[in-house]
PDB file of N, CA and C in Angstrom:
ATOM      1  N   MET A   1       0.846  -1.185   0.000  1.00  0.00           N
ATOM      2  CA  MET A   1       0.000   0.000   0.000  1.00  0.00           C
ATOM      3  C   MET A   1       0.882   1.236   0.000  1.00  0.00           C
ATOM      4  N   ALA A   2       0.653   2.145  -0.927  1.00  0.00           N
ATOM      5  CA  ALA A   2       1.483   3.337  -1.074  1.00  0.00           C
ATOM      6  C   ALA A   2       1.066   4.406  -0.071  1.00  0.00           C
ATOM      7  N   LEU A   3       2.023   5.204   0.322  1.00  0.00           N
ATOM      8  CA  LEU A   3       1.783   6.312   1.241  1.00  0.00           C
ATOM      9  C   LEU A   3       1.161   7.472   0.484  1.00  0.00           C
ATOM     10  N   ASN A   4       0.054   7.987   0.986  1.00  0.00           N
ATOM     11  CA  ASN A   4      -0.636   9.115   0.348  1.00  0.00           C
ATOM     12  C   ASN A   4      -0.080  10.412   0.923  1.00  0.00           C
ATOM     13  N   LEU A   5       0.756  11.094   0.149  1.00  0.00           N
ATOM     14  CA  LEU A   5       1.382  12.325   0.620  1.00  0.00           C
ATOM     15  C   LEU A   5       0.457  13.527   0.522  1.00  0.00           C
ATOM     16  N   ASN A   6      -0.602  13.437  -0.245  1.00  0.00           N
ATOM     17  CA  ASN A   6      -1.524  14.560  -0.428  1.00  0.00           C
ATOM     18  C   ASN A   6      -2.573  14.656   0.675  1.00  0.00           C
ATOM     19  N   LYS A   7      -2.682  13.653   1.501  1.00  0.00           N
ATOM     20  CA  LYS A   7      -3.708  13.635   2.537  1.00  0.00           C
ATOM     21  C   LYS A   7      -3.367  14.625   3.640  1.00  0.00           C
ATOM     22  N   ASN A   8      -4.363  15.383   4.062  1.00  0.00           N
ATOM     23  CA  ASN A   8      -4.188  16.337   5.143  1.00  0.00           C
ATOM     24  C   ASN A   8      -4.120  15.565   6.458  1.00  0.00           C
ATOM     25  N   LEU A   9      -3.064  15.766   7.215  1.00  0.00           N
ATOM     26  CA  LEU A   9      -2.879  15.024   8.453  1.00  0.00           C
ATOM     27  C   LEU A   9      -3.603  15.660   9.632  1.00  0.00           C
ATOM     28  N   LYS A  10      -4.015  16.887   9.505  1.00  0.00           N
ATOM     29  CA  LYS A  10      -4.674  17.577  10.600  1.00  0.00           C
ATOM     30  C   LYS A  10      -6.161  17.250  10.607  1.00  0.00           C
ATOM     31  N   THR A  11      -6.659  16.816  11.754  1.00  0.00           N
ATOM     32  CA  THR A  11      -8.066  16.441  11.876  1.00  0.00           C
ATOM     33  C   THR A  11      -8.929  17.615  12.326  1.00  0.00           C
ATOM     34  N   TYR A  12      -8.419  18.389  13.282  1.00  0.00           N
ATOM     35  CA  TYR A  12      -9.189  19.490  13.843  1.00  0.00           C
ATOM     36  C   TYR A  12      -8.419  20.800  13.736  1.00  0.00           C
ATOM     37  N   TYR A  13      -9.175  21.883  13.551  1.00  0.00           N
ATOM     38  CA  TYR A  13      -8.603  23.219  13.475  1.00  0.00           C
ATOM     39  C   TYR A  13      -9.230  24.080  14.565  1.00  0.00           C
ATOM     40  N   SER A  14      -8.448  24.977  15.131  1.00  0.00           N
ATOM     41  CA  SER A  14      -8.970  25.887  16.155  1.00  0.00           C
ATOM     42  C   SER A  14      -9.762  27.005  15.488  1.00  0.00           C
ATOM     43  N   ILE A  15     -10.527  27.714  16.280  1.00  0.00           N
ATOM     44  CA  ILE A  15     -11.323  28.817  15.743  1.00  0.00           C
ATOM     45  C   ILE A  15     -10.406  29.904  15.195  1.00  0.00           C
ATOM     46  N   ARG A  16      -9.252  30.097  15.819  1.00  0.00           N
ATOM     47  CA  ARG A  16      -8.293  31.094  15.337  1.00  0.00           C
ATOM     48  C   ARG A  16      -7.762  30.722  13.957  1.00  0.00           C
ATOM     49  N   GLU A  17      -7.450  29.444  13.753  1.00  0.00           N
ATOM     50  CA  GLU A  17      -6.954  28.990  12.456  1.00  0.00           C
ATOM     51  C   GLU A  17      -8.011  29.159  11.366  1.00  0.00           C
ATOM     52  N   VAL A  18      -9.240  28.786  11.686  1.00  0.00           N
ATOM     53  CA  VAL A  18     -10.320  28.880  10.707  1.00  0.00           C
ATOM     54  C   VAL A  18     -10.619  30.341  10.382  1.00  0.00           C
ATOM     55  N   ALA A  19     -10.644  31.183  11.399  1.00  0.00           N
ATOM     56  CA  ALA A  19     -10.897  32.605  11.176  1.00  0.00           C
ATOM     57  C   ALA A  19      -9.823  33.209  10.278  1.00  0.00           C
ATOM     58  N   SER A  20      -8.570  32.833  10.481  1.00  0.00           N
ATOM     59  CA  SER A  20      -7.499  33.384   9.643  1.00  0.00           C
ATOM     60  C   SER A  20      -7.553  32.840   8.216  1.00  0.00           C
ATOM     61  N   MET A  21      -8.072  31.625   8.021  1.00  0.00           N
ATOM     62  CA  MET A  21      -8.230  31.075   6.669  1.00  0.00           C
ATOM     63  C   MET A  21      -9.128  31.962   5.813  1.00  0.00           C
ATOM     64  N   PHE A  22     -10.147  32.535   6.444  1.00  0.00           N
ATOM     65  CA  PHE A  22     -11.145  33.314   5.720  1.00  0.00           C
ATOM     66  C   PHE A  22     -11.013  34.821   5.953  1.00  0.00           C
ATOM     67  N   GLY A  23     -10.066  35.227   6.775  1.00  0.00           N
ATOM     68  CA  GLY A  23      -9.914  36.648   7.063  1.00  0.00           C
ATOM     69  C   GLY A  23     -11.075  37.204   7.868  1.00  0.00           C
ATOM     70  N   LEU A  24     -11.609  36.387   8.769  1.00  0.00           N
ATOM     71  CA  LEU A  24     -12.753  36.773   9.593  1.00  0.00           C
ATOM     72  C   LEU A  24     -12.332  36.927  11.047  1.00  0.00           C
ATOM     73  N   ASN A  25     -13.188  37.575  11.828  1.00  0.00           N
ATOM     74  CA  ASN A  25     -13.010  37.604  13.273  1.00  0.00           C
ATOM     75  C   ASN A  25     -13.566  36.319  13.862  1.00  0.00           C
ATOM     76  N   GLU A  26     -13.026  35.910  14.986  1.00  0.00           N
ATOM     77  CA  GLU A  26     -13.537  34.713  15.662  1.00  0.00           C
ATOM     78  C   GLU A  26     -14.987  34.923  16.085  1.00  0.00           C
ATOM     79  N   SER A  27     -15.338  36.148  16.445  1.00  0.00           N
ATOM     80  CA  SER A  27     -16.714  36.442  16.850  1.00  0.00           C
ATOM     81  C   SER A  27     -17.688  36.241  15.687  1.00  0.00           C
ATOM     82  N   THR A  28     -17.244  36.492  14.468  1.00  0.00           N
ATOM     83  CA  THR A  28     -18.094  36.270  13.298  1.00  0.00           C
ATOM     84  C   THR A  28     -18.421  34.793  13.163  1.00  0.00           C
ATOM     85  N   LEU A  29     -17.424  33.942  13.344  1.00  0.00           N
ATOM     86  CA  LEU A  29     -17.666  32.492  13.274  1.00  0.00           C
ATOM     87  C   LEU A  29     -18.627  32.047  14.374  1.00  0.00           C
ATOM     88  N   ARG A  30     -18.444  32.575  15.583  1.00  0.00           N
ATOM     89  CA  ARG A  30     -19.349  32.212  16.678  1.00  0.00           C
ATOM     90  C   ARG A  30     -20.783  32.639  16.358  1.00  0.00           C
ATOM     91  N   TYR A  31     -20.926  33.821  15.774  1.00  0.00           N
ATOM     92  CA  TYR A  31     -22.259  34.304  15.415  1.00  0.00           C
ATOM     93  C   TYR A  31     -22.875  33.438  14.330  1.00  0.00           C
ATOM     94  N   TRP A  32     -22.087  33.065  13.331  1.00  0.00           N
ATOM     95  CA  TRP A  32     -22.603  32.204  12.274  1.00  0.00           C
ATOM     96  C   TRP A  32     -23.067  30.870  12.834  1.00  0.00           C
ATOM     97  N   GLU A  33     -22.424  30.384  13.882  1.00  0.00           N
ATOM     98  CA  GLU A  33     -22.860  29.126  14.510  1.00  0.00           C
ATOM     99  C   GLU A  33     -24.264  29.262  15.086  1.00  0.00           C
ATOM    100  N   THR A  34     -24.608  30.452  15.562  1.00  0.00           N
ATOM    101  CA  THR A  34     -25.957  30.651  16.110  1.00  0.00           C
ATOM    102  C   THR A  34     -26.991  30.806  15.001  1.00  0.00           C
ATOM    103  N   GLU A  35     -26.583  31.338  13.865  1.00  0.00           N
ATOM    104  CA  GLU A  35     -27.501  31.581  12.756  1.00  0.00           C
ATOM    105  C   GLU A  35     -27.709  30.363  11.859  1.00  0.00           C
ATOM    106  N   PHE A  36     -26.680  29.577  11.661  1.00  0.00           N
ATOM    107  CA  PHE A  36     -26.742  28.399  10.791  1.00  0.00           C
ATOM    108  C   PHE A  36     -26.635  27.154  11.667  1.00  0.00           C
ATOM    109  N   THR A  37     -27.766  26.509  11.890  1.00  0.00           N
ATOM    110  CA  THR A  37     -27.842  25.421  12.867  1.00  0.00           C
ATOM    111  C   THR A  37     -26.985  24.212  12.509  1.00  0.00           C
ATOM    112  N   TYR A  38     -26.701  24.005  11.242  1.00  0.00           N
ATOM    113  CA  TYR A  38     -25.903  22.851  10.845  1.00  0.00           C
ATOM    114  C   TYR A  38     -24.406  23.090  11.059  1.00  0.00           C
ATOM    115  N   LEU A  39     -24.006  24.304  11.383  1.00  0.00           N
ATOM    116  CA  LEU A  39     -22.609  24.616  11.646  1.00  0.00           C
ATOM    117  C   LEU A  39     -22.357  24.459  13.144  1.00  0.00           C
ATOM    118  N   LYS A  40     -21.952  23.271  13.530  1.00  0.00           N
ATOM    119  CA  LYS A  40     -21.718  22.958  14.942  1.00  0.00           C
ATOM    120  C   LYS A  40     -20.371  22.260  15.088  1.00  0.00           C
ATOM    121  N   PRO A  41     -19.301  23.015  15.344  1.00  0.00           N
ATOM    122  CA  PRO A  41     -18.011  22.357  15.545  1.00  0.00           C
ATOM    123  C   PRO A  41     -18.010  21.579  16.861  1.00  0.00           C
ATOM    124  N   LYS A  42     -17.164  20.587  16.907  1.00  0.00           N
ATOM    125  CA  LYS A  42     -17.016  19.784  18.118  1.00  0.00           C
ATOM    126  C   LYS A  42     -16.390  20.656  19.196  1.00  0.00           C
ATOM    127  N   THR A  43     -16.836  20.484  20.434  1.00  0.00           N
ATOM    128  CA  THR A  43     -16.231  21.201  21.556  1.00  0.00           C
ATOM    129  C   THR A  43     -15.636  20.191  22.512  1.00  0.00           C
ATOM    130  N   SER A  44     -14.535  20.577  23.149  1.00  0.00           N
ATOM    131  CA  SER A  44     -13.875  19.648  24.060  1.00  0.00           C
ATOM    132  C   SER A  44     -13.435  20.368  25.324  1.00  0.00           C
ATOM    133  N   GLY A  45     -13.321  19.593  26.370  1.00  0.00           N
ATOM    134  CA  GLY A  45     -12.836  20.112  27.640  1.00  0.00           C
ATOM    135  C   GLY A  45     -13.840  20.976  28.363  1.00  0.00           C
ATOM    136  N   PRO A  46     -13.494  21.339  29.584  1.00  0.00           N
ATOM    137  CA  PRO A  46     -14.401  22.173  30.377  1.00  0.00           C
ATOM    138  C   PRO A  46     -14.541  23.592  29.829  1.00  0.00           C
ATOM    139  N   SER A  47     -13.555  24.043  29.071  1.00  0.00           N
ATOM    140  CA  SER A  47     -13.626  25.401  28.523  1.00  0.00           C
ATOM    141  C   SER A  47     -14.324  25.451  27.160  1.00  0.00           C
ATOM    142  N   LYS A  48     -14.824  24.282  26.690  1.00  0.00           N
ATOM    143  CA  LYS A  48     -15.585  24.185  25.432  1.00  0.00           C
ATOM    144  C   LYS A  48     -14.809  24.756  24.238  1.00  0.00           C
ATOM    145  N   VAL A  49     -13.585  24.331  24.076  1.00  0.00           N
ATOM    146  CA  VAL A  49     -12.749  24.765  22.955  1.00  0.00           C
ATOM    147  C   VAL A  49     -13.318  24.183  21.673  1.00  0.00           C
ATOM    148  N   ARG A  50     -13.546  25.041  20.685  1.00  0.00           N
ATOM    149  CA  ARG A  50     -14.107  24.605  19.406  1.00  0.00           C
ATOM    150  C   ARG A  50     -13.047  23.891  18.572  1.00  0.00           C
ATOM    151  N   GLN A  51     -13.465  22.794  17.941  1.00  0.00           N
ATOM    152  CA  GLN A  51     -12.591  22.028  17.070  1.00  0.00           C
ATOM    153  C   GLN A  51     -13.318  21.831  15.744  1.00  0.00           C
ATOM    154  N   TYR A  52     -12.838  22.509  14.704  1.00  0.00           N
ATOM    155  CA  TYR A  52     -13.473  22.467  13.398  1.00  0.00           C
ATOM    156  C   TYR A  52     -12.871  21.352  12.545  1.00  0.00           C
ATOM    157  N   THR A  53     -13.733  20.613  11.870  1.00  0.00           N
ATOM    158  CA  THR A  53     -13.291  19.566  10.951  1.00  0.00           C
ATOM    159  C   THR A  53     -13.296  20.128   9.527  1.00  0.00           C
ATOM    160  N   GLU A  54     -12.820  19.322   8.584  1.00  0.00           N
ATOM    161  CA  GLU A  54     -12.852  19.728   7.177  1.00  0.00           C
ATOM    162  C   GLU A  54     -14.292  19.976   6.724  1.00  0.00           C
ATOM    163  N   LYS A  55     -15.224  19.162   7.221  1.00  0.00           N
ATOM    164  CA  LYS A  55     -16.638  19.344   6.864  1.00  0.00           C
ATOM    165  C   LYS A  55     -17.147  20.699   7.370  1.00  0.00           C
ATOM    166  N   ASP A  56     -16.778  21.061   8.593  1.00  0.00           N
ATOM    167  CA  ASP A  56     -17.172  22.364   9.136  1.00  0.00           C
ATOM    168  C   ASP A  56     -16.595  23.496   8.285  1.00  0.00           C
ATOM    169  N   ILE A  57     -15.360  23.339   7.859  1.00  0.00           N
ATOM    170  CA  ILE A  57     -14.706  24.365   7.051  1.00  0.00           C
ATOM    171  C   ILE A  57     -15.399  24.498   5.697  1.00  0.00           C
ATOM    172  N   GLU A  58     -15.866  23.386   5.138  1.00  0.00           N
ATOM    173  CA  GLU A  58     -16.625  23.446   3.883  1.00  0.00           C
ATOM    174  C   GLU A  58     -17.931  24.214   4.083  1.00  0.00           C
ATOM    175  N   GLN A  59     -18.583  24.011   5.230  1.00  0.00           N
ATOM    176  CA  GLN A  59     -19.812  24.748   5.536  1.00  0.00           C
ATOM    177  C   GLN A  59     -19.519  26.249   5.635  1.00  0.00           C
ATOM    178  N   ILE A  60     -18.431  26.584   6.303  1.00  0.00           N
ATOM    179  CA  ILE A  60     -18.050  27.986   6.461  1.00  0.00           C
ATOM    180  C   ILE A  60     -17.713  28.590   5.104  1.00  0.00           C
ATOM    181  N   LYS A  61     -17.053  27.813   4.253  1.00  0.00           N
ATOM    182  CA  LYS A  61     -16.704  28.290   2.919  1.00  0.00           C
ATOM    183  C   LYS A  61     -17.960  28.653   2.133  1.00  0.00           C
ATOM    184  N   LEU A  62     -18.986  27.830   2.256  1.00  0.00           N
ATOM    185  CA  LEU A  62     -20.251  28.099   1.567  1.00  0.00           C
ATOM    186  C   LEU A  62     -20.893  29.379   2.104  1.00  0.00           C
ATOM    187  N   ILE A  63     -20.956  29.507   3.410  1.00  0.00           N
ATOM    188  CA  ILE A  63     -21.550  30.698   4.022  1.00  0.00           C
ATOM    189  C   ILE A  63     -20.738  31.937   3.649  1.00  0.00           C
ATOM    190  N   TYR A  64     -19.425  31.838   3.734  1.00  0.00           N
ATOM    191  CA  TYR A  64     -18.543  32.952   3.389  1.00  0.00           C
ATOM    192  C   TYR A  64     -18.784  33.400   1.952  1.00  0.00           C
ATOM    193  N   ASN A  65     -18.892  32.432   1.068  1.00  0.00           N
ATOM    194  CA  ASN A  65     -19.110  32.727  -0.339  1.00  0.00           C
ATOM    195  C   ASN A  65     -20.402  33.498  -0.556  1.00  0.00           C
ATOM    196  N   LEU A  66     -21.458  33.057   0.098  1.00  0.00           N
ATOM    197  CA  LEU A  66     -22.755  33.716  -0.068  1.00  0.00           C
ATOM    198  C   LEU A  66     -22.778  35.095   0.582  1.00  0.00           C
ATOM    199  N   VAL A  67     -22.224  35.209   1.787  1.00  0.00           N
ATOM    200  CA  VAL A  67     -22.350  36.448   2.560  1.00  0.00           C
ATOM    201  C   VAL A  67     -21.273  37.468   2.189  1.00  0.00           C
ATOM    202  N   LYS A  68     -20.034  37.055   2.187  1.00  0.00           N
ATOM    203  CA  LYS A  68     -18.938  38.003   1.994  1.00  0.00           C
ATOM    204  C   LYS A  68     -18.593  38.236   0.526  1.00  0.00           C
ATOM    205  N   VAL A  69     -18.624  37.191  -0.286  1.00  0.00           N
ATOM    206  CA  VAL A  69     -18.235  37.339  -1.690  1.00  0.00           C
ATOM    207  C   VAL A  69     -19.404  37.836  -2.532  1.00  0.00           C
ATOM    208  N   ARG A  70     -20.557  37.190  -2.384  1.00  0.00           N
ATOM    209  CA  ARG A  70     -21.704  37.541  -3.224  1.00  0.00           C
ATOM    210  C   ARG A  70     -22.597  38.617  -2.610  1.00  0.00           C
ATOM    211  N   GLY A  71     -22.410  38.931  -1.329  1.00  0.00           N
ATOM    212  CA  GLY A  71     -23.104  40.052  -0.713  1.00  0.00           C
ATOM    213  C   GLY A  71     -24.507  39.792  -0.210  1.00  0.00           C
ATOM    214  N   PHE A  72     -24.884  38.538  -0.010  1.00  0.00           N
ATOM    215  CA  PHE A  72     -26.220  38.241   0.516  1.00  0.00           C
ATOM    216  C   PHE A  72     -26.280  38.535   2.010  1.00  0.00           C
ATOM    217  N   LYS A  73     -27.454  38.903   2.484  1.00  0.00           N
ATOM    218  CA  LYS A  73     -27.707  39.016   3.917  1.00  0.00           C
ATOM    219  C   LYS A  73     -27.785  37.608   4.486  1.00  0.00           C
ATOM    220  N   LEU A  74     -27.632  37.478   5.806  1.00  0.00           N
ATOM    221  CA  LEU A  74     -27.652  36.149   6.427  1.00  0.00           C
ATOM    222  C   LEU A  74     -28.975  35.426   6.185  1.00  0.00           C
ATOM    223  N   ALA A  75     -30.087  36.147   6.255  1.00  0.00           N
ATOM    224  CA  ALA A  75     -31.394  35.516   6.036  1.00  0.00           C
ATOM    225  C   ALA A  75     -31.503  34.971   4.612  1.00  0.00           C
ATOM    226  N   ALA A  76     -31.017  35.728   3.638  1.00  0.00           N
ATOM    227  CA  ALA A  76     -31.054  35.271   2.250  1.00  0.00           C
ATOM    228  C   ALA A  76     -30.131  34.073   2.050  1.00  0.00           C
ATOM    229  N   ALA A  77     -28.976  34.095   2.689  1.00  0.00           N
ATOM    230  CA  ALA A  77     -28.041  32.970   2.582  1.00  0.00           C
ATOM    231  C   ALA A  77     -28.668  31.702   3.155  1.00  0.00           C
ATOM    232  N   LYS A  78     -29.368  31.845   4.289  1.00  0.00           N
ATOM    233  CA  LYS A  78     -30.057  30.680   4.877  1.00  0.00           C
ATOM    234  C   LYS A  78     -31.104  30.124   3.928  1.00  0.00           C
ATOM    235  N   LYS A  79     -31.872  31.011   3.303  1.00  0.00           N
ATOM    236  CA  LYS A  79     -32.907  30.565   2.361  1.00  0.00           C
ATOM    237  C   LYS A  79     -32.289  29.828   1.181  1.00  0.00           C
ATOM    238  N   ILE A  80     -31.212  30.365   0.648  1.00  0.00           N
ATOM    239  CA  ILE A  80     -30.552  29.732  -0.500  1.00  0.00           C
ATOM    240  C   ILE A  80     -30.049  28.351  -0.120  1.00  0.00           C
ATOM    241  N   ILE A  81     -29.412  28.263   1.027  1.00  0.00           N
ATOM    242  CA  ILE A  81     -28.853  26.975   1.463  1.00  0.00           C
ATOM    243  C   ILE A  81     -29.964  25.970   1.740  1.00  0.00           C
ATOM    244  N   ASN A  82     -31.010  26.407   2.406  1.00  0.00           N
ATOM    245  CA  ASN A  82     -32.109  25.497   2.734  1.00  0.00           C
ATOM    246  C   ASN A  82     -32.895  25.067   1.495  1.00  0.00           C
ATOM    247  N   ALA A  83     -33.031  25.965   0.532  1.00  0.00           N
ATOM    248  CA  ALA A  83     -33.811  25.651  -0.658  1.00  0.00           C
ATOM    249  C   ALA A  83     -33.073  24.714  -1.607  1.00  0.00           C
ATOM    250  N   ASN A  84     -31.787  24.927  -1.757  1.00  0.00           N
ATOM    251  CA  ASN A  84     -31.045  24.154  -2.747  1.00  0.00           C
ATOM    252  C   ASN A  84     -29.621  23.946  -2.262  1.00  0.00           C
ATOM    253  N   ARG A  85     -29.460  23.049  -1.353  1.00  0.00           N
ATOM    254  CA  ARG A  85     -28.155  22.811  -0.740  1.00  0.00           C
ATOM    255  C   ARG A  85     -27.101  22.408  -1.771  1.00  0.00           C
ATOM    256  N   THR A  86     -27.411  21.470  -2.622  1.00  0.00           N
ATOM    257  CA  THR A  86     -26.455  20.983  -3.612  1.00  0.00           C
ATOM    258  C   THR A  86     -26.085  22.079  -4.600  1.00  0.00           C
ATOM    259  N   GLY A  87     -27.066  22.812  -5.069  1.00  0.00           N
ATOM    260  CA  GLY A  87     -26.803  23.894  -6.012  1.00  0.00           C
ATOM    261  C   GLY A  87     -25.953  24.995  -5.400  1.00  0.00           C
ATOM    262  N   ALA A  88     -26.207  25.331  -4.135  1.00  0.00           N
ATOM    263  CA  ALA A  88     -25.425  26.358  -3.453  1.00  0.00           C
ATOM    264  C   ALA A  88     -23.981  25.899  -3.283  1.00  0.00           C
ATOM    265  N   ASP A  89     -23.788  24.617  -2.939  1.00  0.00           N
ATOM    266  CA  ASP A  89     -22.435  24.068  -2.810  1.00  0.00           C
ATOM    267  C   ASP A  89     -21.700  24.143  -4.136  1.00  0.00           C
ATOM    268  N   ARG A  90     -22.376  23.765  -5.197  1.00  0.00           N
ATOM    269  CA  ARG A  90     -21.761  23.736  -6.528  1.00  0.00           C
ATOM    270  C   ARG A  90     -21.395  25.148  -6.992  1.00  0.00           C
ATOM    271  N   LYS A  91     -22.290  26.104  -6.766  1.00  0.00           N
ATOM    272  CA  LYS A  91     -22.004  27.486  -7.155  1.00  0.00           C
ATOM    273  C   LYS A  91     -20.813  28.036  -6.384  1.00  0.00           C
ATOM    274  N   ALA A  92     -20.725  27.704  -5.103  1.00  0.00           N
ATOM    275  CA  ALA A  92     -19.597  28.167  -4.294  1.00  0.00           C
ATOM    276  C   ALA A  92     -18.291  27.581  -4.816  1.00  0.00           C
ATOM    277  N   GLU A  93     -18.321  26.316  -5.195  1.00  0.00           N
ATOM    278  CA  GLU A  93     -17.128  25.657  -5.734  1.00  0.00           C
ATOM    279  C   GLU A  93     -16.695  26.300  -7.043  1.00  0.00           C
ATOM    280  N   VAL A  94     -17.639  26.568  -7.920  1.00  0.00           N
ATOM    281  CA  VAL A  94     -17.336  27.194  -9.210  1.00  0.00           C
ATOM    282  C   VAL A  94     -16.783  28.598  -8.993  1.00  0.00           C
ATOM    283  N   LEU A  95     -17.382  29.352  -8.092  1.00  0.00           N
ATOM    284  CA  LEU A  95     -16.921  30.706  -7.822  1.00  0.00           C
ATOM    285  C   LEU A  95     -15.498  30.697  -7.272  1.00  0.00           C
ATOM    286  N   THR A  96     -15.193  29.757  -6.393  1.00  0.00           N
ATOM    287  CA  THR A  96     -13.843  29.636  -5.851  1.00  0.00           C
ATOM    288  C   THR A  96     -12.840  29.340  -6.961  1.00  0.00           C
ATOM    289  N   ARG A  97     -13.192  28.457  -7.867  1.00  0.00           N
ATOM    290  CA  ARG A  97     -12.305  28.138  -8.998  1.00  0.00           C
ATOM    291  C   ARG A  97     -12.098  29.354  -9.894  1.00  0.00           C
ATOM    292  N   LEU A  98     -13.170  30.084 -10.160  1.00  0.00           N
ATOM    293  CA  LEU A  98     -13.060  31.270 -11.018  1.00  0.00           C
ATOM    294  C   LEU A  98     -12.172  32.341 -10.393  1.00  0.00           C
ATOM    295  N   ILE A  99     -12.287  32.515  -9.094  1.00  0.00           N
ATOM    296  CA  ILE A  99     -11.434  33.488  -8.404  1.00  0.00           C
ATOM    297  C   ILE A  99      -9.974  33.062  -8.522  1.00  0.00           C
ATOM    298  N   GLY A 100      -9.699  31.775  -8.391  1.00  0.00           N
ATOM    299  CA  GLY A 100      -8.338  31.269  -8.544  1.00  0.00           C
ATOM    300  C   GLY A 100      -7.810  31.489  -9.947  1.00  0.00           C
ATOM    301  N   VAL A 101      -8.640  31.241 -10.947  1.00  0.00           N
ATOM    302  CA  VAL A 101      -8.236  31.458 -12.341  1.00  0.00           C
ATOM    303  C   VAL A 101      -7.950  32.934 -12.582  1.00  0.00           C
ATOM    304  N   ARG A 102      -8.797  33.804 -12.051  1.00  0.00           N
ATOM    305  CA  ARG A 102      -8.589  35.244 -12.212  1.00  0.00           C
ATOM    306  C   ARG A 102      -7.254  35.674 -11.608  1.00  0.00           C
ATOM    307  N   GLU A 103      -6.934  35.150 -10.415  1.00  0.00           N
ATOM    308  CA  GLU A 103      -5.664  35.493  -9.769  1.00  0.00           C
ATOM    309  C   GLU A 103      -4.479  35.015 -10.597  1.00  0.00           C
ATOM    310  N   GLU A 104      -4.589  33.819 -11.170  1.00  0.00           N
ATOM    311  CA  GLU A 104      -3.517  33.302 -12.022  1.00  0.00           C
ATOM    312  C   GLU A 104      -3.347  34.164 -13.271  1.00  0.00           C
ATOM    313  N   LEU A 105      -4.461  34.565 -13.865  1.00  0.00           N
ATOM    314  CA  LEU A 105      -4.397  35.411 -15.053  1.00  0.00           C
ATOM    315  C   LEU A 105      -3.794  36.782 -14.740  1.00  0.00           C
ATOM    316  N   GLN A 106      -4.136  37.325 -13.584  1.00  0.00           N
ATOM    317  CA  GLN A 106      -3.567  38.602 -13.190  1.00  0.00           C
ATOM    318  C   GLN A 106      -2.061  38.486 -12.976  1.00  0.00           C
ATOM    319  N   ALA A 107      -1.634  37.382 -12.394  1.00  0.00           N
ATOM    320  CA  ALA A 107      -0.193  37.163 -12.192  1.00  0.00           C
ATOM    321  C   ALA A 107       0.524  37.027 -13.542  1.00  0.00           C
ATOM    322  N   LEU A 108      -0.083  36.308 -14.484  1.00  0.00           N
ATOM    323  CA  LEU A 108       0.507  36.177 -15.806  1.00  0.00           C
ATOM    324  C   LEU A 108       0.588  37.528 -16.511  1.00  0.00           C
ATOM    325  N   LYS A 109      -0.446  38.344 -16.382  1.00  0.00           N
ATOM    326  CA  LYS A 109      -0.459  39.673 -16.984  1.00  0.00           C
ATOM    327  C   LYS A 109       0.667  40.529 -16.410  1.00  0.00           C
ATOM    328  N   GLN A 110       0.882  40.447 -15.124  1.00  0.00           N
ATOM    329  CA  GLN A 110       1.965  41.209 -14.508  1.00  0.00           C
ATOM    330  C   GLN A 110       3.319  40.748 -15.036  1.00  0.00           C
ATOM    331  N   GLN A 111       3.467  39.450 -15.217  1.00  0.00           N
ATOM    332  CA  GLN A 111       4.716  38.931 -15.765  1.00  0.00           C
ATOM    333  C   GLN A 111       4.909  39.405 -17.192  1.00  0.00           C
ATOM    334  N   MET A 112       3.848  39.403 -17.975  1.00  0.00           N
ATOM    335  CA  MET A 112       3.922  39.854 -19.356  1.00  0.00           C
ATOM    336  C   MET A 112       4.234  41.357 -19.427  1.00  0.00           C
ATOM    337  N   ASP A 113       3.647  42.124 -18.544  1.00  0.00           N
ATOM    338  CA  ASP A 113       3.911  43.579 -18.508  1.00  0.00           C
ATOM    339  C   ASP A 113       5.354  43.852 -18.127  1.00  0.00           C
ATOM    340  N   TYR A 114       5.918  43.003 -17.301  1.00  0.00           N
ATOM    341  CA  TYR A 114       7.304  43.155 -16.845  1.00  0.00           C
ATOM    342  C   TYR A 114       8.274  42.923 -18.007  1.00  0.00           C
ATOM    343  N   LEU A 115       7.907  42.004 -18.897  1.00  0.00           N
ATOM    344  CA  LEU A 115       8.771  41.716 -20.046  1.00  0.00           C
ATOM    345  C   LEU A 115       8.687  42.842 -21.019  1.00  0.00           C
TER     346      LEU A 115
END
């Protein structure tokens, strides 16, 4: 059996790590947990330290995409997610890819301008 080097070895992420991934405040993530009932990270210990999984991060990515990138209000984002979960996930994935392509094209343009 071959060793999979591409596999992420980290199982849980802290709220600070997740907030920095998206450029958000930790309080924003806590608030989103109250608004979106399916976003429930695991908590551990007496101090209830939040532990986010990859699945939780995917949920946050979807919410972030709707609220911060596309500009929907939280109520509208909830309606979109509840009405068409699969479609909302797919649109978020496509938008993320397009943003990546745009960044690559901008970098290539800068290189071309430099020449």
